[in-house]
Amino acid sequence: KNLHFGFPTIFVKIKNSRLNMMAEVQKEDDAEAQTRLLDSRSEESEAKEAKAALKHGEIVWGIAAYAFCSASLLVINKVAVNAIPSASFVLICQFAASVCAVLGLSALGYLDSVEPLSMAKIRPFMGISILFCACLWCNVKALEYANVETVIVFRAMVPIAVAICDFWFLGQALPSLRSWLSLLVIVLGAVLYVLTDDGFQVEAYLWVVLYFISLSTEMVYVKYVVESVDMTTWGRVYYNNVLSIPLTFGLGLAFGEFDQLAELEWSNEQIGALLASCVVGVGISYAGFNLRKLVTATSFTVIGVLCKIASVLINIFIWDKHANATGIAALCICIFAGTFYQQSAKR
């Protein structure tokens, strides 16, 4: 009887022991799999964080470079056009300096070989060059007849137009309520500035209105080309400046911009102003295309507005052609409001 009932009991114990061992092995395998999954997710998370940090760093440095060049160029161009009575000549020198910088850096091995001009890429960049020349031409002409604050405030109104164009043409979502309020306060500050501007001139404001229209169009079109045409940043600088030289030369001839150069007596101050404008012109060419690649057209426009506060502060200590205290306050309101703008996402 004991023998009869003992063997089944032993077999059951052995079977249960094996099942327990298998369960423990399965638990260990599951634990290892879970650990590997967690490690994989942790690595993916770290990779995403590192990529986001790198992207953030690129944007911060891009903004810093563009802000410095943009704020500097507005003041330096003002000095240059006051010293040299030919806006077209100053611009052509800046374009030529940018082209020479790209070719020189390429020859020294700091850049990859410069991409040769091709008709497939000339077509879209011709539109950029036309708009680019129109913006620079209107900007320089506006600086001849108006104070720096006038140009800055009209530029501060550009983000409204660009935000709408961003939505219609580039697939961006409309700005948030906070961003709309930010842009609205910028416009109200600009209106206040115009009402208190002591230097109101019909001719001057005509040029800045043309600057506003051309800049709004240029902001959207350039972002479209940057996204759709595969090129390096220095390649864009090269194409843009090469194609801008003949256009600016033609405008200069049409407006008689080169007539006074024959009688100009060059001084060290004039040469220094021209060289400084060329150096900063190279910087703004690269910094501009680099930042356009990183942010939306509207964000790029708002950044350009905010960095102009340095130009205003420098302008206060250099020239006597300022707005009054109320106008300066209105300008500060515009720029302060721009800091509350938030970049919209793709639709």
Protein backbone atom coordinates (compact mmCIF):
# COMPACT_ATOMS: atom_id res chain seq x y z
CA LYS A 1 0.00 0.00 0.00
CA ASN A 2 2.78 2.45 0.85
CA LEU A 3 4.62 1.51 -2.30
CA HIS A 4 1.47 1.92 -4.35
CA PHE A 5 0.82 5.46 -3.12
CA GLY A 6 4.47 6.58 -2.81
CA PHE A 7 5.55 6.59 -6.46
CA PRO A 8 2.83 8.96 -7.68
CA THR A 9 3.71 11.34 -4.89
CA ILE A 10 7.37 11.37 -5.90
CA PHE A 11 6.46 11.95 -9.56
CA VAL A 12 4.19 14.84 -8.60
CA LYS A 13 6.94 16.42 -6.50
CA ILE A 14 9.45 16.08 -9.34
CA LYS A 15 6.97 17.56 -11.80
CA ASN A 16 6.20 20.48 -9.49
CA SER A 17 9.91 21.04 -8.92
CA ARG A 18 10.51 21.20 -12.66
CA LEU A 19 7.59 23.58 -13.12
CA ASN A 20 8.95 25.82 -10.39
CA MET A 21 12.40 25.80 -11.98
CA MET A 22 10.91 26.65 -15.35
CA ALA A 23 8.88 29.45 -13.80
CA GLU A 24 11.98 30.86 -12.12
CA VAL A 25 13.91 30.70 -15.40
CA GLN A 26 11.02 32.43 -17.17
CA LYS A 27 10.97 35.11 -14.48
CA GLU A 28 14.68 35.67 -14.93
CA ASP A 29 14.27 35.89 -18.70
CA ASP A 30 11.37 38.32 -18.29
CA ALA A 31 13.41 40.39 -15.86
CA GLU A 32 16.36 40.50 -18.27
CA ALA A 33 14.05 41.43 -21.14
CA GLN A 34 12.46 44.15 -19.04
CA THR A 35 15.90 45.44 -18.08
CA ARG A 36 17.00 45.48 -21.71
CA LEU A 37 13.80 47.29 -22.67
CA LEU A 38 14.30 49.87 -19.94
CA ASP A 39 17.94 50.31 -20.95
CA SER A 40 16.90 50.71 -24.58
CA ARG A 41 14.27 53.27 -23.68
CA SER A 42 16.74 55.07 -21.45
CA GLU A 43 19.29 55.19 -24.27
CA GLU A 44 16.63 56.45 -26.69
CA SER A 45 15.55 59.08 -24.17
CA GLU A 46 19.15 60.17 -23.60
CA ALA A 47 19.71 60.33 -27.36
CA LYS A 48 16.59 62.46 -27.79
CA GLU A 49 17.64 64.74 -24.94
CA ALA A 50 21.13 65.09 -26.40
CA LYS A 51 19.68 65.85 -29.83
CA ALA A 52 17.27 68.41 -28.34
CA ALA A 53 20.10 70.02 -26.36
CA LEU A 54 22.24 70.19 -29.49
CA LYS A 55 19.35 71.72 -31.44
CA HIS A 56 18.74 74.23 -28.65
CA GLY A 57 22.42 75.13 -28.59
CA GLU A 58 22.44 75.66 -32.34
CA ILE A 59 19.43 77.97 -32.09
CA VAL A 60 20.93 79.96 -29.21
CA TRP A 61 24.23 80.47 -31.02
CA GLY A 62 22.37 81.20 -34.24
CA ILE A 63 20.29 83.87 -32.54
CA ALA A 64 23.34 85.40 -30.84
CA ALA A 65 25.30 85.61 -34.11
CA TYR A 66 22.38 87.04 -36.05
CA ALA A 67 21.51 89.53 -33.29
CA PHE A 68 25.06 90.86 -33.16
CA CYS A 69 25.39 91.21 -36.93
CA SER A 70 21.91 92.62 -37.43
CA ALA A 71 22.22 95.25 -34.70
CA SER A 72 25.70 96.20 -35.86
CA LEU A 73 24.91 96.37 -39.57
CA LEU A 74 22.06 98.86 -39.20
CA VAL A 75 24.33 101.33 -37.41
CA ILE A 76 27.38 100.66 -39.61
CA ASN A 77 25.33 101.08 -42.79
CA LYS A 78 24.11 104.42 -41.44
CA VAL A 79 27.73 105.51 -40.97
CA ALA A 80 28.73 104.14 -44.39
CA VAL A 81 25.99 105.85 -46.42
CA ASN A 82 26.67 109.14 -44.61
CA ALA A 83 30.36 108.88 -45.48
CA ILE A 84 29.93 107.53 -49.03
CA PRO A 85 27.11 109.10 -51.10
CA SER A 86 26.25 105.90 -52.97
CA ALA A 87 24.11 103.25 -51.32
CA SER A 88 24.50 100.95 -54.32
CA PHE A 89 28.29 101.08 -54.14
CA VAL A 90 28.23 100.17 -50.43
CA LEU A 91 25.90 97.22 -51.11
CA ILE A 92 27.94 95.94 -54.05
CA CYS A 93 31.07 96.01 -51.90
CA GLN A 94 29.26 93.97 -49.24
CA PHE A 95 28.08 91.41 -51.82
CA ALA A 96 31.54 91.13 -53.33
CA ALA A 97 33.09 90.70 -49.88
CA SER A 98 30.71 87.82 -49.14
CA VAL A 99 31.52 86.11 -52.43
CA CYS A 100 35.25 86.51 -51.84
CA ALA A 101 34.88 85.19 -48.29
CA VAL A 102 33.20 81.99 -49.52
CA LEU A 103 35.74 81.44 -52.29
CA GLY A 104 38.65 82.23 -49.97
CA LEU A 105 37.50 79.90 -47.20
CA SER A 106 36.92 77.18 -49.78
CA ALA A 107 40.39 77.65 -51.29
CA LEU A 108 41.96 77.45 -47.81
CA GLY A 109 40.15 74.19 -47.14
CA TYR A 110 37.84 75.48 -44.38
CA LEU A 111 34.79 74.82 -46.54
CA ASP A 112 33.81 72.12 -48.97
CA SER A 113 34.27 73.05 -52.61
CA VAL A 114 31.87 75.80 -53.66
CA GLU A 115 28.91 74.42 -55.56
CA PRO A 116 29.01 75.79 -59.14
CA LEU A 117 26.09 77.85 -60.36
CA SER A 118 23.35 75.73 -61.92
CA MET A 119 20.17 76.91 -63.61
CA ALA A 120 18.00 74.62 -61.45
CA LYS A 121 19.12 76.53 -58.33
CA ILE A 122 19.57 79.91 -59.97
CA ARG A 123 15.84 80.14 -60.63
CA PRO A 124 14.68 80.05 -57.00
CA PHE A 125 17.67 82.09 -55.83
CA MET A 126 17.02 84.75 -58.42
CA GLY A 127 13.76 85.46 -56.62
CA ILE A 128 15.67 85.66 -53.34
CA SER A 129 18.21 88.03 -54.86
CA ILE A 130 15.52 90.30 -56.27
CA LEU A 131 13.73 90.49 -52.92
CA PHE A 132 17.03 90.71 -51.04
CA CYS A 133 18.17 93.66 -53.15
CA ALA A 134 14.78 95.31 -52.80
CA CYS A 135 14.95 95.01 -49.00
CA LEU A 136 18.51 96.30 -48.77
CA TRP A 137 17.88 99.08 -51.26
CA CYS A 138 14.74 100.28 -49.47
CA ASN A 139 16.49 99.92 -46.12
CA VAL A 140 19.51 101.97 -47.14
CA LYS A 141 17.37 104.60 -48.86
CA ALA A 142 15.14 104.83 -45.78
CA LEU A 143 18.22 105.38 -43.62
CA GLU A 144 19.18 108.32 -45.85
CA TYR A 145 15.92 110.15 -45.17
CA ALA A 146 14.77 108.92 -41.74
CA ASN A 147 16.16 108.10 -38.33
CA VAL A 148 17.06 104.57 -37.31
CA GLU A 149 14.03 104.33 -35.00
CA THR A 150 11.66 104.83 -37.92
CA VAL A 151 13.16 101.93 -39.85
CA ILE A 152 13.16 99.68 -36.78
CA VAL A 153 9.52 100.31 -35.87
CA PHE A 154 8.25 99.68 -39.37
CA ARG A 155 10.22 96.46 -39.29
CA ALA A 156 8.56 95.69 -35.95
CA MET A 157 5.24 95.58 -37.81
CA VAL A 158 6.45 92.92 -40.26
CA PRO A 159 5.77 89.86 -37.99
CA ILE A 160 2.01 90.39 -38.32
CA ALA A 161 2.15 90.04 -42.09
CA VAL A 162 4.67 87.19 -41.94
CA ALA A 163 2.58 85.21 -39.40
CA ILE A 164 -0.40 85.30 -41.78
CA CYS A 165 1.77 84.33 -44.76
CA ASP A 166 3.37 81.57 -42.65
CA PHE A 167 -0.10 80.10 -42.16
CA TRP A 168 -1.26 80.40 -45.77
CA PHE A 169 1.91 79.43 -47.63
CA LEU A 170 4.25 77.48 -45.33
CA GLY A 171 1.88 75.26 -43.39
CA GLN A 172 2.51 76.77 -39.95
CA ALA A 173 -0.25 76.99 -37.37
CA LEU A 174 -1.57 80.42 -36.51
CA PRO A 175 0.09 82.04 -33.48
CA SER A 176 -1.39 81.45 -30.02
CA LEU A 177 -3.46 84.11 -28.24
CA ARG A 178 -0.38 85.15 -26.28
CA SER A 179 1.59 85.54 -29.50
CA TRP A 180 -1.20 87.51 -31.21
CA LEU A 181 -1.32 89.88 -28.23
CA SER A 182 2.44 90.22 -28.45
CA LEU A 183 2.28 91.12 -32.14
CA LEU A 184 -0.67 93.48 -31.57
CA VAL A 185 1.21 95.42 -28.89
CA ILE A 186 4.12 95.72 -31.31
CA VAL A 187 1.80 97.34 -33.86
CA LEU A 188 0.25 99.67 -31.27
CA GLY A 189 3.71 100.74 -30.15
CA ALA A 190 4.64 101.43 -33.75
CA VAL A 191 1.52 103.57 -34.22
CA LEU A 192 2.37 105.53 -31.06
CA TYR A 193 5.88 106.04 -32.36
CA VAL A 194 4.68 107.39 -35.72
CA LEU A 195 2.32 109.82 -33.99
CA THR A 196 5.15 111.22 -31.83
CA ASP A 197 7.95 111.14 -34.43
CA ASP A 198 9.50 114.60 -34.76
CA GLY A 199 11.20 113.72 -38.03
CA PHE A 200 8.09 112.80 -40.07
CA GLN A 201 8.79 113.03 -43.79
CA VAL A 202 6.50 111.76 -46.54
CA GLU A 203 9.45 110.67 -48.67
CA ALA A 204 11.09 108.88 -45.77
CA TYR A 205 7.96 106.97 -44.82
CA LEU A 206 7.38 106.03 -48.43
CA TRP A 207 10.72 104.21 -48.43
CA VAL A 208 10.07 102.44 -45.14
CA VAL A 209 6.63 101.30 -46.32
CA LEU A 210 8.29 99.82 -49.41
CA TYR A 211 10.81 98.24 -47.05
CA PHE A 212 7.96 96.74 -45.01
CA ILE A 213 6.32 95.16 -48.08
CA SER A 214 9.54 93.80 -49.56
CA LEU A 215 10.78 92.45 -46.22
CA SER A 216 7.50 90.64 -45.48
CA THR A 217 7.61 88.96 -48.86
CA GLU A 218 11.30 88.13 -48.56
CA MET A 219 10.92 86.51 -45.13
CA VAL A 220 8.35 84.01 -46.38
CA TYR A 221 9.90 83.28 -49.78
CA VAL A 222 13.41 82.69 -48.42
CA LYS A 223 12.10 80.23 -45.81
CA TYR A 224 10.31 78.38 -48.61
CA VAL A 225 13.52 78.12 -50.67
CA VAL A 226 15.63 77.10 -47.64
CA GLU A 227 13.22 74.22 -46.96
CA SER A 228 12.78 73.11 -50.57
CA VAL A 229 16.29 73.52 -52.08
CA ASP A 230 19.03 71.29 -50.62
CA MET A 231 22.15 73.43 -50.10
CA THR A 232 24.70 74.28 -47.43
CA THR A 233 24.47 77.62 -45.63
CA TRP A 234 27.65 78.88 -47.28
CA GLY A 235 26.31 77.71 -50.63
CA ARG A 236 23.23 79.87 -50.09
CA VAL A 237 25.45 82.80 -49.16
CA TYR A 238 27.43 82.35 -52.38
CA TYR A 239 24.41 82.07 -54.66
CA ASN A 240 22.57 84.96 -53.05
CA ASN A 241 25.44 87.44 -53.19
CA VAL A 242 26.66 86.49 -56.69
CA LEU A 243 23.18 87.02 -58.12
CA SER A 244 22.65 90.24 -56.14
CA ILE A 245 25.65 92.09 -57.60
CA PRO A 246 24.31 92.66 -61.16
CA LEU A 247 20.85 93.58 -59.85
CA THR A 248 22.22 96.19 -57.48
CA PHE A 249 24.56 97.54 -60.15
CA GLY A 250 21.61 98.02 -62.49
CA LEU A 251 19.62 99.84 -59.80
CA GLY A 252 22.60 102.06 -59.06
CA LEU A 253 22.91 103.05 -62.71
CA ALA A 254 19.20 103.71 -63.00
CA PHE A 255 19.21 106.06 -60.00
CA GLY A 256 22.56 107.70 -60.81
CA GLU A 257 24.14 106.35 -57.64
CA PHE A 258 27.65 106.19 -59.11
CA ASP A 259 27.86 109.73 -60.45
CA GLN A 260 29.24 111.25 -57.25
CA LEU A 261 31.93 108.61 -56.74
CA ALA A 262 34.22 110.20 -59.36
CA GLU A 263 34.40 113.39 -57.31
CA LEU A 264 34.68 111.66 -53.94
CA GLU A 265 37.89 112.28 -52.01
CA TRP A 266 38.54 109.15 -50.00
CA SER A 267 39.62 109.40 -46.38
CA ASN A 268 40.63 106.83 -43.81
CA GLU A 269 37.26 107.25 -42.07
CA GLN A 270 35.36 106.46 -45.27
CA ILE A 271 37.53 103.44 -46.06
CA GLY A 272 37.16 102.20 -42.49
CA ALA A 273 33.38 102.56 -42.59
CA LEU A 274 33.22 100.68 -45.89
CA LEU A 275 35.47 97.85 -44.68
CA ALA A 276 33.47 97.53 -41.46
CA SER A 277 30.22 97.30 -43.41
CA CYS A 278 31.75 94.60 -45.62
CA VAL A 279 32.89 92.51 -42.66
CA VAL A 280 29.52 92.69 -40.95
CA GLY A 281 27.84 92.11 -44.31
CA VAL A 282 29.61 88.76 -44.60
CA GLY A 283 28.52 87.91 -41.07
CA ILE A 284 24.87 88.80 -41.61
CA SER A 285 24.77 86.79 -44.86
CA TYR A 286 25.86 83.62 -43.09
CA ALA A 287 24.05 84.23 -39.79
CA GLY A 288 20.81 85.07 -41.59
CA PHE A 289 20.65 81.92 -43.71
CA ASN A 290 21.79 79.78 -40.79
CA LEU A 291 19.04 81.06 -38.49
CA ARG A 292 16.35 80.83 -41.18
CA LYS A 293 17.15 77.12 -41.39
CA LEU A 294 16.60 76.67 -37.64
CA VAL A 295 13.39 78.63 -36.95
CA THR A 296 10.12 79.61 -38.66
CA ALA A 297 9.80 82.70 -40.83
CA THR A 298 7.75 84.53 -38.18
CA SER A 299 10.18 83.64 -35.38
CA PHE A 300 13.07 84.85 -37.53
CA THR A 301 11.26 88.13 -38.11
CA VAL A 302 10.52 88.63 -34.40
CA ILE A 303 14.14 87.87 -33.49
CA GLY A 304 15.24 90.51 -35.98
CA VAL A 305 12.96 93.04 -34.29
CA LEU A 306 14.14 92.26 -30.78
CA CYS A 307 17.83 92.56 -31.54
CA LYS A 308 17.33 96.11 -32.84
CA ILE A 309 17.23 97.54 -29.32
CA ALA A 310 21.03 97.59 -29.39
CA SER A 311 20.87 99.70 -32.54
CA VAL A 312 18.61 102.21 -30.83
CA LEU A 313 20.88 102.53 -27.82
CA ILE A 314 23.92 103.04 -30.04
CA ASN A 315 21.99 105.48 -32.21
CA ILE A 316 21.12 107.62 -29.18
CA PHE A 317 24.80 108.27 -28.52
CA ILE A 318 25.88 108.80 -32.15
CA TRP A 319 23.37 110.99 -34.01
CA ASP A 320 21.08 113.86 -33.17
CA LYS A 321 18.36 112.58 -35.51
CA HIS A 322 16.34 110.77 -32.84
CA ALA A 323 12.74 110.39 -31.90
CA ASN A 324 11.59 112.15 -28.72
CA ALA A 325 11.26 110.45 -25.33
CA THR A 326 7.72 109.24 -26.03
CA GLY A 327 8.84 107.79 -29.35
CA ILE A 328 11.73 105.95 -27.72
CA ALA A 329 9.32 104.57 -25.09
CA ALA A 330 7.00 103.36 -27.86
CA LEU A 331 9.93 101.62 -29.52
CA CYS A 332 10.86 99.88 -26.28
CA ILE A 333 7.23 98.74 -25.91
CA CYS A 334 7.43 97.19 -29.38
CA ILE A 335 10.59 95.28 -28.62
CA PHE A 336 9.50 94.22 -25.10
CA ALA A 337 6.21 92.88 -26.45
CA GLY A 338 8.12 90.81 -28.99
CA THR A 339 9.76 88.82 -26.20
CA PHE A 340 6.38 87.20 -25.41
CA TYR A 341 6.03 85.70 -28.87
CA GLN A 342 6.00 81.88 -29.02
CA GLN A 343 6.93 79.95 -32.16
CA SER A 344 3.98 78.07 -33.67
CA ALA A 345 4.14 74.43 -34.75
CA LYS A 346 3.50 72.87 -38.14
CA ARG A 347 -0.15 72.18 -38.91
